[in-house]
């Protein structure tokens, strides 16, 4: 590069700088404003999706609790049947032992 070439490039760079710098500033400002709006929308979407997820969890919990109470009722009925099945049948020996002990209210 010689001195003549530098003399020609100085006005070109100056013109590009004078007119290009404001354009670059406006572009940067608009770009960051757009990104800010995009982040705000994303935050609102996450907030509403979080609320929707919370509502869904609440519905699932209520359904599970409703099913759980039905299940407990069925299990309670099954336990009573199982307890009846687990009791020993009455034998003549057990009735004789009860007669020998006598009832608690009677005295000999």
PDB file of N, CA and C in Angstrom:
ATOM      1  N   UNK A   1       0.844  -1.172   0.000  1.00  0.00           N
ATOM      2  CA  UNK A   1       0.000   0.000   0.000  1.00  0.00           C
ATOM      3  C   UNK A   1       0.890   1.235   0.000  1.00  0.00           C
ATOM      4  N   UNK A   2       0.587   2.059  -0.893  1.00  0.00           N
ATOM      5  CA  UNK A   2       1.381   3.277  -0.959  1.00  0.00           C
ATOM      6  C   UNK A   2       0.545   4.454  -0.463  1.00  0.00           C
ATOM      7  N   UNK A   3       1.130   5.618  -0.462  1.00  0.00           N
ATOM      8  CA  UNK A   3       0.490   6.819   0.090  1.00  0.00           C
ATOM      9  C   UNK A   3      -0.717   7.226  -0.728  1.00  0.00           C
ATOM     10  N   UNK A   4      -0.686   7.026  -2.032  1.00  0.00           N
ATOM     11  CA  UNK A   4      -1.837   7.404  -2.876  1.00  0.00           C
ATOM     12  C   UNK A   4      -3.054   6.543  -2.526  1.00  0.00           C
ATOM     13  N   UNK A   5      -2.811   5.272  -2.302  1.00  0.00           N
ATOM     14  CA  UNK A   5      -3.909   4.360  -1.970  1.00  0.00           C
ATOM     15  C   UNK A   5      -4.530   4.749  -0.634  1.00  0.00           C
ATOM     16  N   UNK A   6      -3.726   5.089   0.349  1.00  0.00           N
ATOM     17  CA  UNK A   6      -4.256   5.518   1.647  1.00  0.00           C
ATOM     18  C   UNK A   6      -5.063   6.802   1.505  1.00  0.00           C
ATOM     19  N   UNK A   7      -4.604   7.713   0.654  1.00  0.00           N
ATOM     20  CA  UNK A   7      -5.339   8.973   0.432  1.00  0.00           C
ATOM     21  C   UNK A   7      -6.718   8.695  -0.165  1.00  0.00           C
ATOM     22  N   UNK A   8      -6.853   7.672  -0.960  1.00  0.00           N
ATOM     23  CA  UNK A   8      -8.146   7.315  -1.568  1.00  0.00           C
ATOM     24  C   UNK A   8      -9.033   6.596  -0.547  1.00  0.00           C
ATOM     25  N   UNK A   9      -8.478   5.746   0.313  1.00  0.00           N
ATOM     26  CA  UNK A   9      -9.264   4.954   1.266  1.00  0.00           C
ATOM     27  C   UNK A   9      -9.789   5.781   2.442  1.00  0.00           C
ATOM     28  N   UNK A  10      -9.107   6.834   2.825  1.00  0.00           N
ATOM     29  CA  UNK A  10      -9.524   7.640   3.981  1.00  0.00           C
ATOM     30  C   UNK A  10     -10.927   8.202   3.779  1.00  0.00           C
ATOM     31  N   UNK A  11     -11.282   8.834   2.685  1.00  0.00           N
ATOM     32  CA  UNK A  11     -12.658   9.341   2.545  1.00  0.00           C
ATOM     33  C   UNK A  11     -13.701   8.223   2.471  1.00  0.00           C
ATOM     34  N   UNK A  12     -13.332   7.103   1.870  1.00  0.00           N
ATOM     35  CA  UNK A  12     -14.286   5.991   1.779  1.00  0.00           C
ATOM     36  C   UNK A  12     -14.599   5.435   3.174  1.00  0.00           C
ATOM     37  N   UNK A  13     -13.581   5.236   3.974  1.00  0.00           N
ATOM     38  CA  UNK A  13     -13.778   4.730   5.342  1.00  0.00           C
ATOM     39  C   UNK A  13     -14.534   5.752   6.171  1.00  0.00           C
ATOM     40  N   UNK A  14     -14.241   7.032   5.990  1.00  0.00           N
ATOM     41  CA  UNK A  14     -14.942   8.079   6.737  1.00  0.00           C
ATOM     42  C   UNK A  14     -16.424   8.104   6.372  1.00  0.00           C
ATOM     43  N   UNK A  15     -16.751   7.972   5.104  1.00  0.00           N
ATOM     44  CA  UNK A  15     -18.155   7.975   4.677  1.00  0.00           C
ATOM     45  C   UNK A  15     -18.873   6.739   5.233  1.00  0.00           C
ATOM     46  N   UNK A  16     -18.245   5.597   5.141  1.00  0.00           N
ATOM     47  CA  UNK A  16     -18.855   4.378   5.694  1.00  0.00           C
ATOM     48  C   UNK A  16     -19.042   4.494   7.206  1.00  0.00           C
ATOM     49  N   UNK A  17     -18.083   5.060   7.896  1.00  0.00           N
ATOM     50  CA  UNK A  17     -18.191   5.233   9.341  1.00  0.00           C
ATOM     51  C   UNK A  17     -19.295   6.201   9.725  1.00  0.00           C
ATOM     52  N   UNK A  18     -19.385   7.324   9.008  1.00  0.00           N
ATOM     53  CA  UNK A  18     -20.378   8.349   9.336  1.00  0.00           C
ATOM     54  C   UNK A  18     -21.792   7.819   9.094  1.00  0.00           C
ATOM     55  N   UNK A  19     -22.003   7.163   7.966  1.00  0.00           N
ATOM     56  CA  UNK A  19     -23.355   6.691   7.655  1.00  0.00           C
ATOM     57  C   UNK A  19     -23.628   5.266   8.172  1.00  0.00           C
ATOM     58  N   UNK A  20     -22.613   4.505   8.385  1.00  0.00           N
ATOM     59  CA  UNK A  20     -22.811   3.123   8.839  1.00  0.00           C
ATOM     60  C   UNK A  20     -22.984   2.996  10.343  1.00  0.00           C
ATOM     61  N   UNK A  21     -22.359   3.891  11.098  1.00  0.00           N
ATOM     62  CA  UNK A  21     -22.438   3.797  12.552  1.00  0.00           C
ATOM     63  C   UNK A  21     -23.870   4.000  13.059  1.00  0.00           C
ATOM     64  N   UNK A  22     -24.612   4.999  12.614  1.00  0.00           N
ATOM     65  CA  UNK A  22     -26.010   5.126  13.087  1.00  0.00           C
ATOM     66  C   UNK A  22     -26.874   3.930  12.676  1.00  0.00           C
ATOM     67  N   UNK A  23     -26.640   3.401  11.487  1.00  0.00           N
ATOM     68  CA  UNK A  23     -27.396   2.225  11.054  1.00  0.00           C
ATOM     69  C   UNK A  23     -27.079   1.036  11.965  1.00  0.00           C
ATOM     70  N   UNK A  24     -25.816   0.853  12.294  1.00  0.00           N
ATOM     71  CA  UNK A  24     -25.424  -0.237  13.188  1.00  0.00           C
ATOM     72  C   UNK A  24     -26.020  -0.042  14.575  1.00  0.00           C
ATOM     73  N   UNK A  25     -26.085   1.208  15.053  1.00  0.00           N
ATOM     74  CA  UNK A  25     -26.686   1.474  16.367  1.00  0.00           C
ATOM     75  C   UNK A  25     -28.172   1.135  16.376  1.00  0.00           C
ATOM     76  N   UNK A  26     -28.898   1.578  15.339  1.00  0.00           N
ATOM     77  CA  UNK A  26     -30.334   1.288  15.260  1.00  0.00           C
ATOM     78  C   UNK A  26     -30.555  -0.217  15.144  1.00  0.00           C
ATOM     79  N   UNK A  27     -29.752  -0.887  14.329  1.00  0.00           N
ATOM     80  CA  UNK A  27     -29.876  -2.335  14.190  1.00  0.00           C
ATOM     81  C   UNK A  27     -29.643  -3.038  15.531  1.00  0.00           C
ATOM     82  N   UNK A  28     -28.602  -2.635  16.240  1.00  0.00           N
ATOM     83  CA  UNK A  28     -28.315  -3.238  17.554  1.00  0.00           C
ATOM     84  C   UNK A  28     -29.428  -2.982  18.546  1.00  0.00           C
ATOM     85  N   UNK A  29     -29.953  -1.758  18.554  1.00  0.00           N
ATOM     86  CA  UNK A  29     -31.043  -1.418  19.481  1.00  0.00           C
ATOM     87  C   UNK A  29     -32.282  -2.257  19.183  1.00  0.00           C
ATOM     88  N   UNK A  30     -32.654  -2.349  17.913  1.00  0.00           N
ATOM     89  CA  UNK A  30     -33.824  -3.133  17.527  1.00  0.00           C
ATOM     90  C   UNK A  30     -33.598  -4.633  17.826  1.00  0.00           C
ATOM     91  N   UNK A  31     -32.397  -5.103  17.576  1.00  0.00           N
ATOM     92  CA  UNK A  31     -32.090  -6.505  17.822  1.00  0.00           C
ATOM     93  C   UNK A  31     -32.257  -6.858  19.300  1.00  0.00           C
ATOM     94  N   UNK A  32     -31.689  -6.028  20.183  1.00  0.00           N
ATOM     95  CA  UNK A  32     -31.783  -6.311  21.606  1.00  0.00           C
ATOM     96  C   UNK A  32     -33.204  -6.106  22.136  1.00  0.00           C
ATOM     97  N   UNK A  33     -33.946  -5.171  21.555  1.00  0.00           N
ATOM     98  CA  UNK A  33     -35.347  -4.989  21.932  1.00  0.00           C
ATOM     99  C   UNK A  33     -36.146  -6.234  21.539  1.00  0.00           C
ATOM    100  N   UNK A  34     -35.881  -6.762  20.356  1.00  0.00           N
ATOM    101  CA  UNK A  34     -36.539  -7.984  19.900  1.00  0.00           C
ATOM    102  C   UNK A  34     -36.204  -9.159  20.822  1.00  0.00           C
ATOM    103  N   UNK A  35     -34.934  -9.298  21.189  1.00  0.00           N
ATOM    104  CA  UNK A  35     -34.523 -10.390  22.073  1.00  0.00           C
ATOM    105  C   UNK A  35     -35.163 -10.246  23.454  1.00  0.00           C
ATOM    106  N   UNK A  36     -35.283  -9.016  23.942  1.00  0.00           N
ATOM    107  CA  UNK A  36     -35.925  -8.776  25.231  1.00  0.00           C
ATOM    108  C   UNK A  36     -37.395  -9.196  25.184  1.00  0.00           C
ATOM    109  N   UNK A  37     -38.086  -8.823  24.117  1.00  0.00           N
ATOM    110  CA  UNK A  37     -39.490  -9.204  23.964  1.00  0.00           C
ATOM    111  C   UNK A  37     -39.624 -10.724  23.861  1.00  0.00           C
ATOM    112  N   UNK A  38     -38.703 -11.357  23.155  1.00  0.00           N
ATOM    113  CA  UNK A  38     -38.714 -12.812  23.022  1.00  0.00           C
ATOM    114  C   UNK A  38     -38.533 -13.481  24.388  1.00  0.00           C
ATOM    115  N   UNK A  39     -37.639 -12.947  25.203  1.00  0.00           N
ATOM    116  CA  UNK A  39     -37.430 -13.492  26.547  1.00  0.00           C
ATOM    117  C   UNK A  39     -38.653 -13.292  27.429  1.00  0.00           C
ATOM    118  N   UNK A  40     -39.311 -12.142  27.311  1.00  0.00           N
ATOM    119  CA  UNK A  40     -40.517 -11.897  28.096  1.00  0.00           C
ATOM    120  C   UNK A  40     -41.625 -12.874  27.715  1.00  0.00           C
ATOM    121  N   UNK A  41     -41.796 -13.109  26.418  1.00  0.00           N
ATOM    122  CA  UNK A  41     -42.806 -14.066  25.968  1.00  0.00           C
ATOM    123  C   UNK A  41     -42.481 -15.474  26.445  1.00  0.00           C
ATOM    124  N   UNK A  42     -41.220 -15.823  26.409  1.00  0.00           N
ATOM    125  CA  UNK A  42     -40.794 -17.141  26.874  1.00  0.00           C
ATOM    126  C   UNK A  42     -41.066 -17.296  28.374  1.00  0.00           C
ATOM    127  N   UNK A  43     -40.783 -16.232  29.143  1.00  0.00           N
ATOM    128  CA  UNK A  43     -41.037 -16.280  30.583  1.00  0.00           C
ATOM    129  C   UNK A  43     -42.530 -16.414  30.866  1.00  0.00           C
ATOM    130  N   UNK A  44     -43.365 -15.694  30.124  1.00  0.00           N
ATOM    131  CA  UNK A  44     -44.814 -15.796  30.315  1.00  0.00           C
ATOM    132  C   UNK A  44     -45.303 -17.195  29.938  1.00  0.00           C
ATOM    133  N   UNK A  45     -44.749 -17.745  28.862  1.00  0.00           N
ATOM    134  CA  UNK A  45     -45.143 -19.079  28.437  1.00  0.00           C
ATOM    135  C   UNK A  45     -44.756 -20.104  29.493  1.00  0.00           C
ATOM    136  N   UNK A  46     -43.573 -19.969  30.050  1.00  0.00           N
ATOM    137  CA  UNK A  46     -43.147 -20.891  31.098  1.00  0.00           C
ATOM    138  C   UNK A  46     -44.022 -20.745  32.335  1.00  0.00           C
ATOM    139  N   UNK A  47     -44.416 -19.520  32.641  1.00  0.00           N
ATOM    140  CA  UNK A  47     -45.272 -19.275  33.798  1.00  0.00           C
ATOM    141  C   UNK A  47     -46.633 -19.933  33.609  1.00  0.00           C
ATOM    142  N   UNK A  48     -47.234 -19.758  32.433  1.00  0.00           N
ATOM    143  CA  UNK A  48     -48.542 -20.357  32.183  1.00  0.00           C
ATOM    144  C   UNK A  48     -48.434 -21.869  32.052  1.00  0.00           C
ATOM    145  N   UNK A  49     -47.323 -22.355  31.478  1.00  0.00           N
ATOM    146  CA  UNK A  49     -47.169 -23.808  31.382  1.00  0.00           C
ATOM    147  C   UNK A  49     -46.935 -24.401  32.771  1.00  0.00           C
ATOM    148  N   UNK A  50     -46.259 -23.664  33.638  1.00  0.00           N
ATOM    149  CA  UNK A  50     -46.084 -24.114  35.020  1.00  0.00           C
ATOM    150  C   UNK A  50     -47.412 -24.182  35.753  1.00  0.00           C
ATOM    151  N   UNK A  51     -48.281 -23.192  35.510  1.00  0.00           N
ATOM    152  CA  UNK A  51     -49.599 -23.204  36.131  1.00  0.00           C
ATOM    153  C   UNK A  51     -50.436 -24.348  35.568  1.00  0.00           C
ATOM    154  N   UNK A  52     -50.326 -24.593  34.267  1.00  0.00           N
ATOM    155  CA  UNK A  52     -51.063 -25.697  33.654  1.00  0.00           C
ATOM    156  C   UNK A  52     -50.570 -27.033  34.213  1.00  0.00           C
ATOM    157  N   UNK A  53     -49.266 -27.147  34.383  1.00  0.00           N
ATOM    158  CA  UNK A  53     -48.706 -28.370  34.942  1.00  0.00           C
ATOM    159  C   UNK A  53     -49.172 -28.556  36.381  1.00  0.00           C
ATOM    160  N   UNK A  54     -49.206 -27.478  37.143  1.00  0.00           N
ATOM    161  CA  UNK A  54     -49.674 -27.556  38.524  1.00  0.00           C
ATOM    162  C   UNK A  54     -51.141 -27.979  38.574  1.00  0.00           C
ATOM    163  N   UNK A  55     -51.973 -27.438  37.677  1.00  0.00           N
ATOM    164  CA  UNK A  55     -53.384 -27.826  37.627  1.00  0.00           C
ATOM    165  C   UNK A  55     -53.519 -29.297  37.258  1.00  0.00           C
ATOM    166  N   UNK A  56     -52.688 -29.760  36.343  1.00  0.00           N
ATOM    167  CA  UNK A  56     -52.730 -31.165  35.938  1.00  0.00           C
ATOM    168  C   UNK A  56     -52.342 -32.070  37.098  1.00  0.00           C
ATOM    169  N   UNK A  57     -51.320 -31.675  37.843  1.00  0.00           N
ATOM    170  CA  UNK A  57     -50.901 -32.464  39.001  1.00  0.00           C
ATOM    171  C   UNK A  57     -52.016 -32.505  40.043  1.00  0.00           C
ATOM    172  N   UNK A  58     -52.698 -31.372  40.261  1.00  0.00           N
ATOM    173  CA  UNK A  58     -53.805 -31.325  41.217  1.00  0.00           C
ATOM    174  C   UNK A  58     -54.916 -32.285  40.789  1.00  0.00           C
ATOM    175  N   UNK A  59     -55.249 -32.283  39.486  1.00  0.00           N
ATOM    176  CA  UNK A  59     -56.290 -33.199  39.000  1.00  0.00           C
ATOM    177  C   UNK A  59     -55.873 -34.649  39.205  1.00  0.00           C
ATOM    178  N   UNK A  60     -54.618 -34.964  38.889  1.00  0.00           N
ATOM    179  CA  UNK A  60     -54.148 -36.335  39.070  1.00  0.00           C
ATOM    180  C   UNK A  60     -54.187 -36.756  40.537  1.00  0.00           C
ATOM    181  N   UNK A  61     -53.807 -35.847  41.428  1.00  0.00           N
ATOM    182  CA  UNK A  61     -53.848 -36.167  42.850  1.00  0.00           C
ATOM    183  C   UNK A  61     -55.276 -36.411  43.308  1.00  0.00           C
ATOM    184  N   UNK A  62     -56.218 -35.598  42.839  1.00  0.00           N
ATOM    185  CA  UNK A  62     -57.611 -35.793  43.258  1.00  0.00           C
ATOM    186  C   UNK A  62     -58.149 -37.121  42.738  1.00  0.00           C
ATOM    187  N   UNK A  63     -57.790 -37.490  41.510  1.00  0.00           N
ATOM    188  CA  UNK A  63     -58.235 -38.771  40.961  1.00  0.00           C
ATOM    189  C   UNK A  63     -57.627 -39.923  41.736  1.00  0.00           C
ATOM    190  N   UNK A  64     -56.355 -39.818  42.048  1.00  0.00           N
ATOM    191  CA  UNK A  64     -55.692 -40.889  42.796  1.00  0.00           C
ATOM    192  C   UNK A  64     -56.301 -41.023  44.186  1.00  0.00           C
ATOM    193  N   UNK A  65     -56.589 -39.886  44.841  1.00  0.00           N
ATOM    194  CA  UNK A  65     -57.217 -39.960  46.159  1.00  0.00           C
ATOM    195  C   UNK A  65     -58.607 -40.561  46.073  1.00  0.00           C
ATOM    196  N   UNK A  66     -59.357 -40.230  45.023  1.00  0.00           N
ATOM    197  CA  UNK A  66     -60.688 -40.815  44.856  1.00  0.00           C
ATOM    198  C   UNK A  66     -60.574 -42.321  44.628  1.00  0.00           C
ATOM    199  N   UNK A  67     -59.643 -42.726  43.789  1.00  0.00           N
ATOM    200  CA  UNK A  67     -59.445 -44.150  43.556  1.00  0.00           C
ATOM    201  C   UNK A  67     -58.907 -44.841  44.795  1.00  0.00           C
ATOM    202  N   UNK A  68     -58.080 -44.127  45.541  1.00  0.00           N
ATOM    203  CA  UNK A  68     -57.503 -44.688  46.747  1.00  0.00           C
ATOM    204  C   UNK A  68     -58.597 -44.989  47.771  1.00  0.00           C
ATOM    205  N   UNK A  69     -59.587 -44.101  47.905  1.00  0.00           N
ATOM    206  CA  UNK A  69     -60.658 -44.356  48.865  1.00  0.00           C
ATOM    207  C   UNK A  69     -61.487 -45.551  48.411  1.00  0.00           C
ATOM    208  N   UNK A  70     -61.755 -45.670  47.110  1.00  0.00           N
ATOM    209  CA  UNK A  70     -62.459 -46.844  46.603  1.00  0.00           C
ATOM    210  C   UNK A  70     -61.630 -48.103  46.848  1.00  0.00           C
ATOM    211  N   UNK A  71     -60.356 -48.000  46.627  1.00  0.00           N
ATOM    212  CA  UNK A  71     -59.473 -49.137  46.830  1.00  0.00           C
ATOM    213  C   UNK A  71     -59.435 -49.524  48.301  1.00  0.00           C
ATOM    214  N   UNK A  72     -59.384 -48.531  49.187  1.00  0.00           N
ATOM    215  CA  UNK A  72     -59.392 -48.822  50.619  1.00  0.00           C
ATOM    216  C   UNK A  72     -60.686 -49.517  51.020  1.00  0.00           C
ATOM    217  N   UNK A  73     -61.811 -49.068  50.465  1.00  0.00           N
ATOM    218  CA  UNK A  73     -63.086 -49.706  50.780  1.00  0.00           C
ATOM    219  C   UNK A  73     -63.069 -51.164  50.323  1.00  0.00           C
ATOM    220  N   UNK A  74     -62.563 -51.410  49.116  1.00  0.00           N
ATOM    221  CA  UNK A  74     -62.492 -52.789  48.621  1.00  0.00           C
ATOM    222  C   UNK A  74     -61.535 -53.620  49.470  1.00  0.00           C
ATOM    223  N   UNK A  75     -60.406 -53.027  49.844  1.00  0.00           N
ATOM    224  CA  UNK A  75     -59.453 -53.754  50.668  1.00  0.00           C
ATOM    225  C   UNK A  75     -60.028 -54.032  52.045  1.00  0.00           C
ATOM    226  N   UNK A  76     -60.805 -53.091  52.585  1.00  0.00           N
ATOM    227  CA  UNK A  76     -61.427 -53.300  53.886  1.00  0.00           C
ATOM    228  C   UNK A  76     -62.399 -54.461  53.832  1.00  0.00           C
ATOM    229  N   UNK A  77     -63.188 -54.567  52.773  1.00  0.00           N
ATOM    230  CA  UNK A  77     -64.112 -55.687  52.607  1.00  0.00           C
ATOM    231  C   UNK A  77     -63.329 -56.982  52.442  1.00  0.00           C
ATOM    232  N   UNK A  78     -62.261 -56.947  51.704  1.00  0.00           N
ATOM    233  CA  UNK A  78     -61.439 -58.141  51.503  1.00  0.00           C
ATOM    234  C   UNK A  78     -60.783 -58.561  52.817  1.00  0.00           C
ATOM    235  N   UNK A  79     -60.366 -57.614  53.638  1.00  0.00           N
ATOM    236  CA  UNK A  79     -59.736 -57.948  54.921  1.00  0.00           C
ATOM    237  C   UNK A  79     -60.735 -58.616  55.856  1.00  0.00           C
ATOM    238  N   UNK A  80     -61.979 -58.112  55.875  1.00  0.00           N
ATOM    239  CA  UNK A  80     -62.963 -58.733  56.756  1.00  0.00           C
ATOM    240  C   UNK A  80     -63.239 -60.164  56.311  1.00  0.00           C
ATOM    241  N   UNK A  81     -63.309 -60.385  54.996  1.00  0.00           N
ATOM    242  CA  UNK A  81     -63.491 -61.751  54.509  1.00  0.00           C
ATOM    243  C   UNK A  81     -62.281 -62.613  54.859  1.00  0.00           C
ATOM    244  N   UNK A  82     -61.112 -62.042  54.735  1.00  0.00           N
ATOM    245  CA  UNK A  82     -59.894 -62.787  55.027  1.00  0.00           C
ATOM    246  C   UNK A  82     -59.818 -63.109  56.521  1.00  0.00           C
ATOM    247  N   UNK A  83     -60.216 -62.166  57.372  1.00  0.00           N
ATOM    248  CA  UNK A  83     -60.203 -62.418  58.809  1.00  0.00           C
ATOM    249  C   UNK A  83     -61.188 -63.520  59.163  1.00  0.00           C
ATOM    250  N   UNK A  84     -62.341 -63.550  58.500  1.00  0.00           N
ATOM    251  CA  UNK A  84     -63.301 -64.622  58.739  1.00  0.00           C
ATOM    252  C   UNK A  84     -62.706 -65.968  58.324  1.00  0.00           C
ATOM    253  N   UNK A  85     -61.976 -65.958  57.232  1.00  0.00           N
ATOM    254  CA  UNK A  85     -61.373 -67.199  56.773  1.00  0.00           C
ATOM    255  C   UNK A  85     -60.228 -67.656  57.673  1.00  0.00           C
ATOM    256  N   UNK A  86     -59.544 -66.711  58.310  1.00  0.00           N
ATOM    257  CA  UNK A  86     -58.408 -67.058  59.147  1.00  0.00           C
ATOM    258  C   UNK A  86     -58.822 -67.539  60.530  1.00  0.00           C
ATOM    259  N   UNK A  87     -60.060 -67.293  60.950  1.00  0.00           N
ATOM    260  CA  UNK A  87     -60.498 -67.744  62.264  1.00  0.00           C
ATOM    261  C   UNK A  87     -60.615 -69.256  62.271  1.00  0.00           C
ATOM    262  N   UNK A  88     -60.258 -69.824  63.394  1.00  0.00           N
ATOM    263  CA  UNK A  88     -60.340 -71.276  63.519  1.00  0.00           C
ATOM    264  C   UNK A  88     -61.794 -71.689  63.701  1.00  0.00           C
ATOM    265  N   UNK A  89     -62.176 -72.804  63.150  1.00  0.00           N
ATOM    266  CA  UNK A  89     -63.558 -73.259  63.332  1.00  0.00           C
ATOM    267  C   UNK A  89     -63.786 -73.696  64.777  1.00  0.00           C
ATOM    268  N   UNK A  90     -65.016 -73.609  65.204  1.00  0.00           N
ATOM    269  CA  UNK A  90     -65.356 -74.009  66.576  1.00  0.00           C
ATOM    270  C   UNK A  90     -65.270 -75.529  66.673  1.00  0.00           C
ATOM    271  N   UNK A  91     -64.538 -76.006  67.672  1.00  0.00           N
ATOM    272  CA  UNK A  91     -64.386 -77.446  67.889  1.00  0.00           C
ATOM    273  C   UNK A  91     -65.022 -77.826  69.203  1.00  0.00           C
ATOM    274  N   UNK A  92     -65.325 -79.071  69.393  1.00  0.00           N
ATOM    275  CA  UNK A  92     -65.898 -79.471  70.678  1.00  0.00           C
ATOM    276  C   UNK A  92     -64.941 -79.232  71.832  1.00  0.00           C
ATOM    277  N   UNK A  93     -63.650 -79.318  71.595  1.00  0.00           N
ATOM    278  CA  UNK A  93     -62.670 -79.087  72.659  1.00  0.00           C
ATOM    279  C   UNK A  93     -62.734 -77.649  73.149  1.00  0.00           C
ATOM    280  N   UNK A  94     -62.844 -76.712  72.228  1.00  0.00           N
ATOM    281  CA  UNK A  94     -62.889 -75.318  72.644  1.00  0.00           C
ATOM    282  C   UNK A  94     -64.172 -75.018  73.398  1.00  0.00           C
ATOM    283  N   UNK A  95     -65.289 -75.651  73.064  1.00  0.00           N
ATOM    284  CA  UNK A  95     -66.529 -75.410  73.809  1.00  0.00           C
ATOM    285  C   UNK A  95     -66.441 -76.047  75.186  1.00  0.00           C
ATOM    286  N   UNK A  96     -65.764 -77.183  75.330  1.00  0.00           N
ATOM    287  CA  UNK A  96     -65.589 -77.802  76.643  1.00  0.00           C
ATOM    288  C   UNK A  96     -64.709 -76.940  77.523  1.00  0.00           C
ATOM    289  N   UNK A  97     -63.666 -76.342  76.955  1.00  0.00           N
ATOM    290  CA  UNK A  97     -62.777 -75.484  77.737  1.00  0.00           C
ATOM    291  C   UNK A  97     -63.543 -74.263  78.214  1.00  0.00           C
ATOM    292  N   UNK A  98     -64.431 -73.747  77.403  1.00  0.00           N
ATOM    293  CA  UNK A  98     -65.215 -72.594  77.805  1.00  0.00           C
ATOM    294  C   UNK A  98     -66.161 -72.970  78.936  1.00  0.00           C
ATOM    295  N   UNK A  99     -66.750 -74.187  78.911  1.00  0.00           N
ATOM    296  CA  UNK A  99     -67.643 -74.606  79.983  1.00  0.00           C
ATOM    297  C   UNK A  99     -66.882 -74.837  81.276  1.00  0.00           C
ATOM    298  N   UNK A 100     -65.683 -75.357  81.182  1.00  0.00           N
ATOM    299  CA  UNK A 100     -64.889 -75.624  82.378  1.00  0.00           C
ATOM    300  C   UNK A 100     -64.479 -74.320  83.051  1.00  0.00           C
ATOM    301  N   UNK A 101     -64.159 -73.304  82.278  1.00  0.00           N
ATOM    302  CA  UNK A 101     -63.760 -72.033  82.853  1.00  0.00           C
ATOM    303  C   UNK A 101     -64.967 -71.339  83.485  1.00  0.00           C
ATOM    304  N   UNK A 102     -66.100 -71.577  82.935  1.00  0.00           N
ATOM    305  CA  UNK A 102     -67.297 -70.926  83.448  1.00  0.00           C
ATOM    306  C   UNK A 102     -67.362 -69.510  82.965  1.00  0.00           C
ATOM    307  N   UNK A 103     -68.488 -68.899  83.154  1.00  0.00           N
ATOM    308  CA  UNK A 103     -68.619 -67.517  82.736  1.00  0.00           C
ATOM    309  C   UNK A 103     -68.058 -66.623  83.814  1.00  0.00           C
ATOM    310  N   UNK A 104     -67.560 -65.430  83.463  1.00  0.00           N
ATOM    311  CA  UNK A 104     -66.894 -64.585  84.449  1.00  0.00           C
ATOM    312  C   UNK A 104     -67.839 -64.057  85.524  1.00  0.00           C
ATOM    313  N   UNK A 105     -69.113 -63.979  85.255  1.00  0.00           N
ATOM    314  CA  UNK A 105     -70.028 -63.419  86.247  1.00  0.00           C
ATOM    315  C   UNK A 105     -70.433 -64.415  87.328  1.00  0.00           C
ATOM    316  N   UNK A 106     -70.297 -65.703  87.101  1.00  0.00           N
ATOM    317  CA  UNK A 106     -70.741 -66.726  88.065  1.00  0.00           C
ATOM    318  C   UNK A 106     -69.617 -67.099  89.007  1.00  0.00           C
ATOM    319  N   UNK A 107     -69.971 -67.406  90.194  1.00  0.00           N
ATOM    320  CA  UNK A 107     -68.992 -67.888  91.139  1.00  0.00           C
ATOM    321  C   UNK A 107     -69.338 -69.336  91.500  1.00  0.00           C
ATOM    322  N   UNK A 108     -68.402 -70.133  91.915  1.00  0.00           N
ATOM    323  CA  UNK A 108     -68.653 -71.534  92.215  1.00  0.00           C
ATOM    324  C   UNK A 108     -69.105 -71.744  93.606  1.00  0.00           C
TER     325      UNK A 108
END
